[in-house]
């Protein structure tokens, strides 16, 4: 049964990613919206819906390590594995604005989470907890991020919705249908995949923190992986990179913000190493985009990022 959930979820995710990318790119072209804005909002929020569902439900069930590990693991997976794999399919061009503003904001979200989750070190408390206050603070950061994103849409006319030759114009009703259908398929597929993966992991006696950081994180991030690869192959690199950056910001600020606002999240299996790896992955993405190949993530850089993720996962499994 768990194997069937894995396969069915993966098929739904692939179908949903293709429909969402086509619909979002068509809307961007019709209304002259910069692709980076589409990637940071519609695509990013849609592909992060599985993380929101899993983290909030896990928080309500008292599984804080899965709730937090899902977000931390998903963001590490997004930055290293998704950007790396997407670059292996097609090099990703990164705009100057993304390097100067969006990626640094993504790094800031990781540092904010690191600070909020270090009560023992900073405050001398007995346990590290994401409190309701921390959750509300993260939601305030999310509101600032949304304001910034909408400002891009009104002040970046030069970054239009992409190449007229590569984006297929769809009727508005069909674009909306593709977006809604794609979102529905992504959410359902991510849920099926996570249920199957979690069932297999628990039957093997793996801890909740490792499940959250690896299988659940990878499963809920499959929409981002599929969407970014499809977008890159369809010559929409802004959607590909915007999807990753937007999803990471959405995961920390909104998903964890909502989860911690509902109930305090006590960190037991999630360590500072995991949080530092999260921050380091964002710094690595910024470093590769800034210093090499004229703001392009090349195949060589992509392979290095994939290797870093494999090394991190191997370390987690080795320390079970």
C-alpha atoms as a PDB file:
ATOM      1  CA  UNK A   1       0.000   0.000   0.000  1.00  0.00           C
ATOM      2  CA  UNK A   2       2.782   2.445   0.903  1.00  0.00           C
ATOM      3  CA  UNK A   3       4.548   1.734  -2.413  1.00  0.00           C
ATOM      4  CA  UNK A   4       1.330   2.499  -4.316  1.00  0.00           C
ATOM      5  CA  UNK A   5       1.000   5.799  -2.454  1.00  0.00           C
ATOM      6  CA  UNK A   6       4.583   6.685  -3.406  1.00  0.00           C
ATOM      7  CA  UNK A   7       4.084   5.942  -7.110  1.00  0.00           C
ATOM      8  CA  UNK A   8       0.642   7.567  -7.328  1.00  0.00           C
ATOM      9  CA  UNK A   9       1.859  10.646  -5.496  1.00  0.00           C
ATOM     10  CA  UNK A  10       4.851  11.020  -7.806  1.00  0.00           C
ATOM     11  CA  UNK A  11       2.658  10.810 -10.932  1.00  0.00           C
ATOM     12  CA  UNK A  12       0.273  13.449  -9.578  1.00  0.00           C
ATOM     13  CA  UNK A  13       3.181  15.705  -8.690  1.00  0.00           C
ATOM     14  CA  UNK A  14       4.647  15.510 -12.198  1.00  0.00           C
ATOM     15  CA  UNK A  15       1.273  16.239 -13.822  1.00  0.00           C
ATOM     16  CA  UNK A  16       0.579  19.086 -11.429  1.00  0.00           C
ATOM     17  CA  UNK A  17       3.997  20.669 -11.946  1.00  0.00           C
ATOM     18  CA  UNK A  18       3.551  20.730 -15.709  1.00  0.00           C
ATOM     19  CA  UNK A  19       0.048  22.256 -15.523  1.00  0.00           C
ATOM     20  CA  UNK A  20       1.028  24.838 -12.917  1.00  0.00           C
ATOM     21  CA  UNK A  21       4.082  25.982 -14.892  1.00  0.00           C
ATOM     22  CA  UNK A  22       2.138  26.342 -18.152  1.00  0.00           C
ATOM     23  CA  UNK A  23      -0.724  28.207 -16.493  1.00  0.00           C
ATOM     24  CA  UNK A  24       1.485  30.536 -14.445  1.00  0.00           C
ATOM     25  CA  UNK A  25       3.748  31.403 -17.394  1.00  0.00           C
ATOM     26  CA  UNK A  26       0.707  32.137 -19.570  1.00  0.00           C
ATOM     27  CA  UNK A  27      -0.779  34.456 -16.928  1.00  0.00           C
ATOM     28  CA  UNK A  28       2.577  36.211 -16.575  1.00  0.00           C
ATOM     29  CA  UNK A  29       2.773  36.761 -20.322  1.00  0.00           C
ATOM     30  CA  UNK A  30      -0.836  37.982 -20.598  1.00  0.00           C
ATOM     31  CA  UNK A  31      -0.552  40.575 -17.818  1.00  0.00           C
ATOM     32  CA  UNK A  32       3.123  41.447 -18.371  1.00  0.00           C
ATOM     33  CA  UNK A  33       4.046  40.261 -14.873  1.00  0.00           C
ATOM     34  CA  UNK A  34       7.751  39.499 -14.315  1.00  0.00           C
ATOM     35  CA  UNK A  35       8.365  35.747 -14.206  1.00  0.00           C
ATOM     36  CA  UNK A  36      10.326  36.155 -10.966  1.00  0.00           C
ATOM     37  CA  UNK A  37       7.146  37.484  -9.315  1.00  0.00           C
ATOM     38  CA  UNK A  38       5.138  34.490 -10.576  1.00  0.00           C
ATOM     39  CA  UNK A  39       7.862  32.178  -9.263  1.00  0.00           C
ATOM     40  CA  UNK A  40       7.965  33.915  -5.876  1.00  0.00           C
ATOM     41  CA  UNK A  41       4.191  33.874  -5.372  1.00  0.00           C
ATOM     42  CA  UNK A  42       1.785  31.593  -7.284  1.00  0.00           C
ATOM     43  CA  UNK A  43       4.270  28.831  -8.080  1.00  0.00           C
ATOM     44  CA  UNK A  44       6.186  29.018  -4.786  1.00  0.00           C
ATOM     45  CA  UNK A  45       3.084  29.108  -2.592  1.00  0.00           C
ATOM     46  CA  UNK A  46       1.421  26.328  -4.561  1.00  0.00           C
ATOM     47  CA  UNK A  47       4.385  23.983  -4.435  1.00  0.00           C
ATOM     48  CA  UNK A  48       4.780  24.715  -0.694  1.00  0.00           C
ATOM     49  CA  UNK A  49       1.197  23.681   0.058  1.00  0.00           C
ATOM     50  CA  UNK A  50       2.290  20.114   1.019  1.00  0.00           C
ATOM     51  CA  UNK A  51       4.764  21.551   3.562  1.00  0.00           C
ATOM     52  CA  UNK A  52       2.006  23.716   5.038  1.00  0.00           C
ATOM     53  CA  UNK A  53      -0.370  20.758   5.326  1.00  0.00           C
ATOM     54  CA  UNK A  54       2.225  18.413   6.832  1.00  0.00           C
ATOM     55  CA  UNK A  55       3.756  20.919   9.290  1.00  0.00           C
ATOM     56  CA  UNK A  56       0.458  22.265  10.639  1.00  0.00           C
ATOM     57  CA  UNK A  57      -1.056  18.790  11.017  1.00  0.00           C
ATOM     58  CA  UNK A  58       2.143  17.505  12.657  1.00  0.00           C
ATOM     59  CA  UNK A  59       2.164  20.450  15.076  1.00  0.00           C
ATOM     60  CA  UNK A  60      -1.446  19.781  16.046  1.00  0.00           C
ATOM     61  CA  UNK A  61      -0.613  16.093  16.627  1.00  0.00           C
ATOM     62  CA  UNK A  62       2.362  16.976  18.836  1.00  0.00           C
ATOM     63  CA  UNK A  63       5.029  15.852  16.339  1.00  0.00           C
ATOM     64  CA  UNK A  64       7.144  19.015  16.509  1.00  0.00           C
ATOM     65  CA  UNK A  65      10.260  17.390  15.034  1.00  0.00           C
ATOM     66  CA  UNK A  66       8.354  16.423  11.888  1.00  0.00           C
ATOM     67  CA  UNK A  67       6.809  19.923  11.665  1.00  0.00           C
ATOM     68  CA  UNK A  68      10.171  21.697  11.973  1.00  0.00           C
ATOM     69  CA  UNK A  69      12.259  19.021  10.254  1.00  0.00           C
ATOM     70  CA  UNK A  70       9.891  19.133   7.290  1.00  0.00           C
ATOM     71  CA  UNK A  71      10.579  22.855   6.772  1.00  0.00           C
ATOM     72  CA  UNK A  72      14.325  22.737   7.503  1.00  0.00           C
ATOM     73  CA  UNK A  73      14.827  19.615   5.397  1.00  0.00           C
ATOM     74  CA  UNK A  74      12.630  20.919   2.585  1.00  0.00           C
ATOM     75  CA  UNK A  75      14.575  24.179   2.369  1.00  0.00           C
ATOM     76  CA  UNK A  76      17.920  22.351   2.331  1.00  0.00           C
ATOM     77  CA  UNK A  77      16.523  20.026  -0.340  1.00  0.00           C
ATOM     78  CA  UNK A  78      15.174  22.997  -2.316  1.00  0.00           C
ATOM     79  CA  UNK A  79      18.440  24.921  -2.303  1.00  0.00           C
ATOM     80  CA  UNK A  80      20.936  22.109  -2.838  1.00  0.00           C
ATOM     81  CA  UNK A  81      19.078  19.301  -4.584  1.00  0.00           C
ATOM     82  CA  UNK A  82      16.483  21.174  -6.624  1.00  0.00           C
ATOM     83  CA  UNK A  83      18.739  23.990  -7.832  1.00  0.00           C
ATOM     84  CA  UNK A  84      21.519  21.447  -8.384  1.00  0.00           C
ATOM     85  CA  UNK A  85      19.370  18.991 -10.357  1.00  0.00           C
ATOM     86  CA  UNK A  86      17.722  21.799 -12.342  1.00  0.00           C
ATOM     87  CA  UNK A  87      21.147  23.186 -13.281  1.00  0.00           C
ATOM     88  CA  UNK A  88      22.182  19.724 -14.464  1.00  0.00           C
ATOM     89  CA  UNK A  89      19.235  19.746 -16.889  1.00  0.00           C
ATOM     90  CA  UNK A  90      19.761  23.352 -18.007  1.00  0.00           C
ATOM     91  CA  UNK A  91      22.029  26.102 -16.547  1.00  0.00           C
ATOM     92  CA  UNK A  92      19.980  28.595 -14.505  1.00  0.00           C
ATOM     93  CA  UNK A  93      20.398  32.305 -15.172  1.00  0.00           C
ATOM     94  CA  UNK A  94      20.037  34.382 -11.997  1.00  0.00           C
ATOM     95  CA  UNK A  95      18.990  38.017 -12.275  1.00  0.00           C
ATOM     96  CA  UNK A  96      20.929  40.776 -10.516  1.00  0.00           C
ATOM     97  CA  UNK A  97      17.872  41.628  -8.426  1.00  0.00           C
ATOM     98  CA  UNK A  98      17.569  38.030  -7.227  1.00  0.00           C
ATOM     99  CA  UNK A  99      21.222  37.963  -6.169  1.00  0.00           C
ATOM    100  CA  UNK A 100      21.036  41.309  -4.415  1.00  0.00           C
ATOM    101  CA  UNK A 101      17.646  40.972  -2.711  1.00  0.00           C
ATOM    102  CA  UNK A 102      15.766  37.646  -2.885  1.00  0.00           C
ATOM    103  CA  UNK A 103      18.610  35.235  -2.053  1.00  0.00           C
ATOM    104  CA  UNK A 104      19.958  37.439   0.800  1.00  0.00           C
ATOM    105  CA  UNK A 105      16.387  37.572   2.153  1.00  0.00           C
ATOM    106  CA  UNK A 106      16.329  33.778   1.999  1.00  0.00           C
ATOM    107  CA  UNK A 107      19.589  33.648   3.987  1.00  0.00           C
ATOM    108  CA  UNK A 108      18.073  36.094   6.485  1.00  0.00           C
ATOM    109  CA  UNK A 109      15.098  33.770   7.002  1.00  0.00           C
ATOM    110  CA  UNK A 110      17.499  30.940   7.892  1.00  0.00           C
ATOM    111  CA  UNK A 111      19.339  33.157  10.386  1.00  0.00           C
ATOM    112  CA  UNK A 112      16.029  34.305  11.901  1.00  0.00           C
ATOM    113  CA  UNK A 113      15.025  30.671  12.410  1.00  0.00           C
ATOM    114  CA  UNK A 114      18.449  29.892  13.904  1.00  0.00           C
ATOM    115  CA  UNK A 115      18.026  32.727  16.423  1.00  0.00           C
ATOM    116  CA  UNK A 116      14.429  31.821  17.335  1.00  0.00           C
ATOM    117  CA  UNK A 117      15.361  28.151  17.832  1.00  0.00           C
ATOM    118  CA  UNK A 118      18.323  28.758  20.192  1.00  0.00           C
ATOM    119  CA  UNK A 119      16.641  29.486  23.524  1.00  0.00           C
ATOM    120  CA  UNK A 120      19.142  27.362  25.474  1.00  0.00           C
ATOM    121  CA  UNK A 121      22.175  29.212  24.121  1.00  0.00           C
ATOM    122  CA  UNK A 122      20.718  32.734  23.967  1.00  0.00           C
ATOM    123  CA  UNK A 123      18.315  32.806  26.933  1.00  0.00           C
ATOM    124  CA  UNK A 124      19.575  30.002  29.159  1.00  0.00           C
ATOM    125  CA  UNK A 125      16.253  28.152  28.902  1.00  0.00           C
ATOM    126  CA  UNK A 126      15.945  24.423  29.528  1.00  0.00           C
ATOM    127  CA  UNK A 127      14.768  23.614  25.996  1.00  0.00           C
ATOM    128  CA  UNK A 128      14.766  25.095  22.510  1.00  0.00           C
ATOM    129  CA  UNK A 129      11.232  26.079  21.519  1.00  0.00           C
ATOM    130  CA  UNK A 130       9.585  27.984  18.715  1.00  0.00           C
ATOM    131  CA  UNK A 131       7.039  29.854  20.825  1.00  0.00           C
ATOM    132  CA  UNK A 132       3.784  31.472  19.784  1.00  0.00           C
ATOM    133  CA  UNK A 133       5.629  34.811  19.898  1.00  0.00           C
ATOM    134  CA  UNK A 134       8.267  33.447  17.508  1.00  0.00           C
ATOM    135  CA  UNK A 135       5.507  32.250  15.193  1.00  0.00           C
ATOM    136  CA  UNK A 136       3.832  35.654  15.116  1.00  0.00           C
ATOM    137  CA  UNK A 137       7.208  37.299  14.440  1.00  0.00           C
ATOM    138  CA  UNK A 138       7.796  34.977  11.481  1.00  0.00           C
ATOM    139  CA  UNK A 139       4.350  35.860  10.118  1.00  0.00           C
ATOM    140  CA  UNK A 140       5.281  39.552  10.341  1.00  0.00           C
ATOM    141  CA  UNK A 141       8.375  38.814   8.248  1.00  0.00           C
ATOM    142  CA  UNK A 142       6.100  37.049   5.763  1.00  0.00           C
ATOM    143  CA  UNK A 143       3.928  40.168   5.444  1.00  0.00           C
ATOM    144  CA  UNK A 144       7.048  42.221   4.692  1.00  0.00           C
ATOM    145  CA  UNK A 145       8.107  39.683   2.054  1.00  0.00           C
ATOM    146  CA  UNK A 146       4.695  39.903   0.353  1.00  0.00           C
ATOM    147  CA  UNK A 147       4.879  43.703   0.295  1.00  0.00           C
ATOM    148  CA  UNK A 148       8.324  43.504  -1.293  1.00  0.00           C
ATOM    149  CA  UNK A 149       7.135  41.012  -3.923  1.00  0.00           C
ATOM    150  CA  UNK A 150       4.223  43.203  -4.977  1.00  0.00           C
ATOM    151  CA  UNK A 151       6.610  46.145  -5.187  1.00  0.00           C
ATOM    152  CA  UNK A 152       8.686  44.160  -7.705  1.00  0.00           C
ATOM    153  CA  UNK A 153       5.621  43.712  -9.904  1.00  0.00           C
ATOM    154  CA  UNK A 154       5.022  47.467 -10.099  1.00  0.00           C
ATOM    155  CA  UNK A 155       8.640  48.621 -10.413  1.00  0.00           C
ATOM    156  CA  UNK A 156      10.257  46.016 -12.674  1.00  0.00           C
ATOM    157  CA  UNK A 157       8.756  46.587 -16.131  1.00  0.00           C
ATOM    158  CA  UNK A 158      12.005  45.604 -17.810  1.00  0.00           C
ATOM    159  CA  UNK A 159      11.765  42.032 -16.493  1.00  0.00           C
ATOM    160  CA  UNK A 160       8.763  41.069 -18.537  1.00  0.00           C
ATOM    161  CA  UNK A 161       6.999  37.790 -18.535  1.00  0.00           C
ATOM    162  CA  UNK A 162       9.600  36.021 -20.624  1.00  0.00           C
ATOM    163  CA  UNK A 163      10.308  35.187 -24.211  1.00  0.00           C
ATOM    164  CA  UNK A 164       7.393  35.461 -26.589  1.00  0.00           C
ATOM    165  CA  UNK A 165       8.812  32.540 -28.551  1.00  0.00           C
ATOM    166  CA  UNK A 166       9.011  30.096 -25.649  1.00  0.00           C
ATOM    167  CA  UNK A 167       5.829  30.796 -23.664  1.00  0.00           C
ATOM    168  CA  UNK A 168       2.585  29.414 -25.058  1.00  0.00           C
ATOM    169  CA  UNK A 169      -0.324  31.856 -24.724  1.00  0.00           C
ATOM    170  CA  UNK A 170      -3.440  30.152 -23.324  1.00  0.00           C
ATOM    171  CA  UNK A 171      -6.977  31.499 -22.929  1.00  0.00           C
ATOM    172  CA  UNK A 172      -7.428  33.041 -19.492  1.00  0.00           C
ATOM    173  CA  UNK A 173      -9.951  30.422 -18.373  1.00  0.00           C
ATOM    174  CA  UNK A 174      -7.623  27.633 -19.401  1.00  0.00           C
ATOM    175  CA  UNK A 175      -4.648  29.279 -17.633  1.00  0.00           C
ATOM    176  CA  UNK A 176      -6.667  29.495 -14.419  1.00  0.00           C
ATOM    177  CA  UNK A 177      -7.830  25.892 -14.872  1.00  0.00           C
ATOM    178  CA  UNK A 178      -4.219  24.755 -15.359  1.00  0.00           C
ATOM    179  CA  UNK A 179      -3.098  26.634 -12.219  1.00  0.00           C
ATOM    180  CA  UNK A 180      -5.933  25.332 -10.017  1.00  0.00           C
ATOM    181  CA  UNK A 181      -5.684  21.803 -11.404  1.00  0.00           C
ATOM    182  CA  UNK A 182      -1.907  21.849 -11.032  1.00  0.00           C
ATOM    183  CA  UNK A 183      -2.142  23.055  -7.434  1.00  0.00           C
ATOM    184  CA  UNK A 184      -4.703  20.371  -6.602  1.00  0.00           C
ATOM    185  CA  UNK A 185      -2.581  17.634  -8.143  1.00  0.00           C
ATOM    186  CA  UNK A 186       0.553  18.881  -6.340  1.00  0.00           C
ATOM    187  CA  UNK A 187      -1.175  18.961  -2.961  1.00  0.00           C
ATOM    188  CA  UNK A 188      -2.750  15.521  -3.384  1.00  0.00           C
ATOM    189  CA  UNK A 189       0.432  14.014  -4.828  1.00  0.00           C
ATOM    190  CA  UNK A 190       2.598  15.439  -2.057  1.00  0.00           C
ATOM    191  CA  UNK A 191       0.203  14.110   0.588  1.00  0.00           C
ATOM    192  CA  UNK A 192       0.159  10.609  -0.924  1.00  0.00           C
ATOM    193  CA  UNK A 193       3.942  10.552  -1.260  1.00  0.00           C
ATOM    194  CA  UNK A 194       4.515  11.674   2.331  1.00  0.00           C
ATOM    195  CA  UNK A 195       2.022   9.135   3.697  1.00  0.00           C
ATOM    196  CA  UNK A 196       3.752   6.329   1.823  1.00  0.00           C
ATOM    197  CA  UNK A 197       7.280   7.450   2.742  1.00  0.00           C
ATOM    198  CA  UNK A 198       6.412   8.012   6.405  1.00  0.00           C
ATOM    199  CA  UNK A 199       4.716   4.623   6.648  1.00  0.00           C
ATOM    200  CA  UNK A 200       7.797   2.881   5.261  1.00  0.00           C
ATOM    201  CA  UNK A 201      10.162   4.858   7.506  1.00  0.00           C
ATOM    202  CA  UNK A 202       8.211   4.209  10.689  1.00  0.00           C
ATOM    203  CA  UNK A 203       8.038   0.510   9.937  1.00  0.00           C
ATOM    204  CA  UNK A 204      11.866   0.580   9.917  1.00  0.00           C
ATOM    205  CA  UNK A 205      12.025   2.362  13.299  1.00  0.00           C
ATOM    206  CA  UNK A 206      13.509   5.678  12.077  1.00  0.00           C
ATOM    207  CA  UNK A 207      13.183   8.730  14.386  1.00  0.00           C
ATOM    208  CA  UNK A 208      10.730  11.539  13.637  1.00  0.00           C
ATOM    209  CA  UNK A 209      13.499  14.134  13.234  1.00  0.00           C
ATOM    210  CA  UNK A 210      15.249  12.072  10.544  1.00  0.00           C
ATOM    211  CA  UNK A 211      11.913  11.325   8.849  1.00  0.00           C
ATOM    212  CA  UNK A 212      11.135  15.047   8.796  1.00  0.00           C
ATOM    213  CA  UNK A 213      14.591  16.075   7.529  1.00  0.00           C
ATOM    214  CA  UNK A 214      14.791  13.458   4.772  1.00  0.00           C
ATOM    215  CA  UNK A 215      11.774  11.476   3.537  1.00  0.00           C
ATOM    216  CA  UNK A 216       9.021  13.928   4.461  1.00  0.00           C
ATOM    217  CA  UNK A 217      11.132  16.920   3.397  1.00  0.00           C
ATOM    218  CA  UNK A 218      12.050  15.282   0.094  1.00  0.00           C
ATOM    219  CA  UNK A 219       8.464  14.196  -0.517  1.00  0.00           C
ATOM    220  CA  UNK A 220       6.922  17.597   0.157  1.00  0.00           C
ATOM    221  CA  UNK A 221       9.655  19.206  -1.966  1.00  0.00           C
ATOM    222  CA  UNK A 222       8.987  17.025  -5.009  1.00  0.00           C
ATOM    223  CA  UNK A 223       6.554  19.662  -6.363  1.00  0.00           C
ATOM    224  CA  UNK A 224       9.355  22.249  -6.261  1.00  0.00           C
ATOM    225  CA  UNK A 225      11.753  19.810  -7.930  1.00  0.00           C
ATOM    226  CA  UNK A 226       9.350  18.895 -10.723  1.00  0.00           C
ATOM    227  CA  UNK A 227       8.186  22.496 -11.240  1.00  0.00           C
ATOM    228  CA  UNK A 228      11.720  23.936 -11.346  1.00  0.00           C
ATOM    229  CA  UNK A 229      13.007  21.324 -13.800  1.00  0.00           C
ATOM    230  CA  UNK A 230       9.966  21.754 -16.056  1.00  0.00           C
ATOM    231  CA  UNK A 231      10.326  25.554 -15.903  1.00  0.00           C
ATOM    232  CA  UNK A 232      14.049  25.392 -16.738  1.00  0.00           C
ATOM    233  CA  UNK A 233      13.463  23.035 -19.675  1.00  0.00           C
ATOM    234  CA  UNK A 234      10.763  25.410 -20.947  1.00  0.00           C
ATOM    235  CA  UNK A 235      13.261  28.307 -20.816  1.00  0.00           C
ATOM    236  CA  UNK A 236      11.680  30.020 -17.818  1.00  0.00           C
ATOM    237  CA  UNK A 237      14.699  30.232 -15.455  1.00  0.00           C
ATOM    238  CA  UNK A 238      13.144  33.067 -13.417  1.00  0.00           C
ATOM    239  CA  UNK A 239      10.253  30.780 -12.460  1.00  0.00           C
ATOM    240  CA  UNK A 240      12.717  27.982 -11.603  1.00  0.00           C
ATOM    241  CA  UNK A 241      14.882  30.046  -9.242  1.00  0.00           C
ATOM    242  CA  UNK A 242      11.964  32.133  -7.981  1.00  0.00           C
ATOM    243  CA  UNK A 243      10.107  28.936  -7.107  1.00  0.00           C
ATOM    244  CA  UNK A 244      12.975  27.761  -4.886  1.00  0.00           C
ATOM    245  CA  UNK A 245      13.629  31.115  -3.195  1.00  0.00           C
ATOM    246  CA  UNK A 246       9.929  31.856  -2.748  1.00  0.00           C
ATOM    247  CA  UNK A 247       9.219  28.368  -1.387  1.00  0.00           C
ATOM    248  CA  UNK A 248      12.036  28.675   1.152  1.00  0.00           C
ATOM    249  CA  UNK A 249      10.748  32.030   2.370  1.00  0.00           C
ATOM    250  CA  UNK A 250       7.175  30.758   2.423  1.00  0.00           C
ATOM    251  CA  UNK A 251       8.236  27.648   4.395  1.00  0.00           C
ATOM    252  CA  UNK A 252      10.081  29.532   7.146  1.00  0.00           C
ATOM    253  CA  UNK A 253       7.953  32.656   7.460  1.00  0.00           C
ATOM    254  CA  UNK A 254       4.460  31.298   6.758  1.00  0.00           C
ATOM    255  CA  UNK A 255       4.507  27.526   7.326  1.00  0.00           C
ATOM    256  CA  UNK A 256       6.556  27.623  10.542  1.00  0.00           C
ATOM    257  CA  UNK A 257       4.911  30.908  11.500  1.00  0.00           C
ATOM    258  CA  UNK A 258       1.450  29.328  11.288  1.00  0.00           C
ATOM    259  CA  UNK A 259       2.560  26.101  12.984  1.00  0.00           C
ATOM    260  CA  UNK A 260       4.261  27.869  15.931  1.00  0.00           C
ATOM    261  CA  UNK A 261       1.383  30.344  16.267  1.00  0.00           C
ATOM    262  CA  UNK A 262      -1.025  27.456  16.743  1.00  0.00           C
ATOM    263  CA  UNK A 263       1.077  25.615  19.324  1.00  0.00           C
ATOM    264  CA  UNK A 264       4.671  25.950  20.633  1.00  0.00           C
ATOM    265  CA  UNK A 265       7.115  23.638  18.830  1.00  0.00           C
ATOM    266  CA  UNK A 266       9.742  21.983  21.034  1.00  0.00           C
ATOM    267  CA  UNK A 267      12.955  21.049  19.229  1.00  0.00           C
ATOM    268  CA  UNK A 268      14.366  17.705  20.327  1.00  0.00           C
ATOM    269  CA  UNK A 269      15.905  15.927  17.346  1.00  0.00           C
ATOM    270  CA  UNK A 270      16.492  19.047  15.209  1.00  0.00           C
ATOM    271  CA  UNK A 271      19.982  20.369  16.032  1.00  0.00           C
ATOM    272  CA  UNK A 272      22.007  23.501  15.344  1.00  0.00           C
ATOM    273  CA  UNK A 273      23.916  21.510  12.721  1.00  0.00           C
ATOM    274  CA  UNK A 274      20.730  21.181  10.664  1.00  0.00           C
ATOM    275  CA  UNK A 275      20.002  24.900  11.034  1.00  0.00           C
ATOM    276  CA  UNK A 276      23.574  25.865  10.091  1.00  0.00           C
ATOM    277  CA  UNK A 277      23.413  23.587   7.029  1.00  0.00           C
ATOM    278  CA  UNK A 278      20.211  25.418   6.068  1.00  0.00           C
ATOM    279  CA  UNK A 279      21.924  28.821   6.323  1.00  0.00           C
ATOM    280  CA  UNK A 280      25.054  27.522   4.576  1.00  0.00           C
ATOM    281  CA  UNK A 281      23.069  26.180   1.617  1.00  0.00           C
ATOM    282  CA  UNK A 282      21.632  29.656   0.980  1.00  0.00           C
ATOM    283  CA  UNK A 283      25.091  31.227   1.233  1.00  0.00           C
ATOM    284  CA  UNK A 284      26.445  28.637  -1.241  1.00  0.00           C
ATOM    285  CA  UNK A 285      23.672  29.462  -3.735  1.00  0.00           C
ATOM    286  CA  UNK A 286      24.417  33.178  -3.409  1.00  0.00           C
ATOM    287  CA  UNK A 287      28.174  32.557  -3.769  1.00  0.00           C
ATOM    288  CA  UNK A 288      27.803  30.460  -6.939  1.00  0.00           C
ATOM    289  CA  UNK A 289      25.404  32.950  -8.516  1.00  0.00           C
ATOM    290  CA  UNK A 290      27.538  35.974  -7.692  1.00  0.00           C
ATOM    291  CA  UNK A 291      31.081  34.920  -8.520  1.00  0.00           C
ATOM    292  CA  UNK A 292      30.958  32.448 -11.402  1.00  0.00           C
ATOM    293  CA  UNK A 293      29.702  32.261 -14.990  1.00  0.00           C
ATOM    294  CA  UNK A 294      28.035  35.700 -15.148  1.00  0.00           C
ATOM    295  CA  UNK A 295      25.146  35.081 -12.727  1.00  0.00           C
ATOM    296  CA  UNK A 296      24.468  31.553 -13.965  1.00  0.00           C
ATOM    297  CA  UNK A 297      24.295  28.328 -11.968  1.00  0.00           C
ATOM    298  CA  UNK A 298      26.247  25.978 -14.240  1.00  0.00           C
ATOM    299  CA  UNK A 299      26.161  22.196 -14.447  1.00  0.00           C
ATOM    300  CA  UNK A 300      29.425  21.952 -12.499  1.00  0.00           C
ATOM    301  CA  UNK A 301      28.051  24.115  -9.702  1.00  0.00           C
ATOM    302  CA  UNK A 302      24.821  22.130  -9.781  1.00  0.00           C
ATOM    303  CA  UNK A 303      26.726  18.868  -9.348  1.00  0.00           C
ATOM    304  CA  UNK A 304      28.588  20.351  -6.341  1.00  0.00           C
ATOM    305  CA  UNK A 305      25.278  21.306  -4.733  1.00  0.00           C
ATOM    306  CA  UNK A 306      23.839  17.830  -5.295  1.00  0.00           C
ATOM    307  CA  UNK A 307      26.999  16.321  -3.776  1.00  0.00           C
ATOM    308  CA  UNK A 308      26.639  18.554  -0.693  1.00  0.00           C
ATOM    309  CA  UNK A 309      23.068  17.352  -0.179  1.00  0.00           C
ATOM    310  CA  UNK A 310      24.053  13.704  -0.586  1.00  0.00           C
ATOM    311  CA  UNK A 311      26.875  14.207   1.941  1.00  0.00           C
ATOM    312  CA  UNK A 312      24.480  15.812   4.455  1.00  0.00           C
ATOM    313  CA  UNK A 313      21.908  13.022   4.058  1.00  0.00           C
ATOM    314  CA  UNK A 314      24.624  10.377   4.386  1.00  0.00           C
ATOM    315  CA  UNK A 315      25.742  12.017   7.640  1.00  0.00           C
ATOM    316  CA  UNK A 316      22.176  11.903   9.017  1.00  0.00           C
ATOM    317  CA  UNK A 317      21.770   8.234   8.113  1.00  0.00           C
ATOM    318  CA  UNK A 318      25.208   7.342   9.512  1.00  0.00           C
ATOM    319  CA  UNK A 319      24.298   8.922  12.850  1.00  0.00           C
ATOM    320  CA  UNK A 320      20.989   7.108  13.273  1.00  0.00           C
END
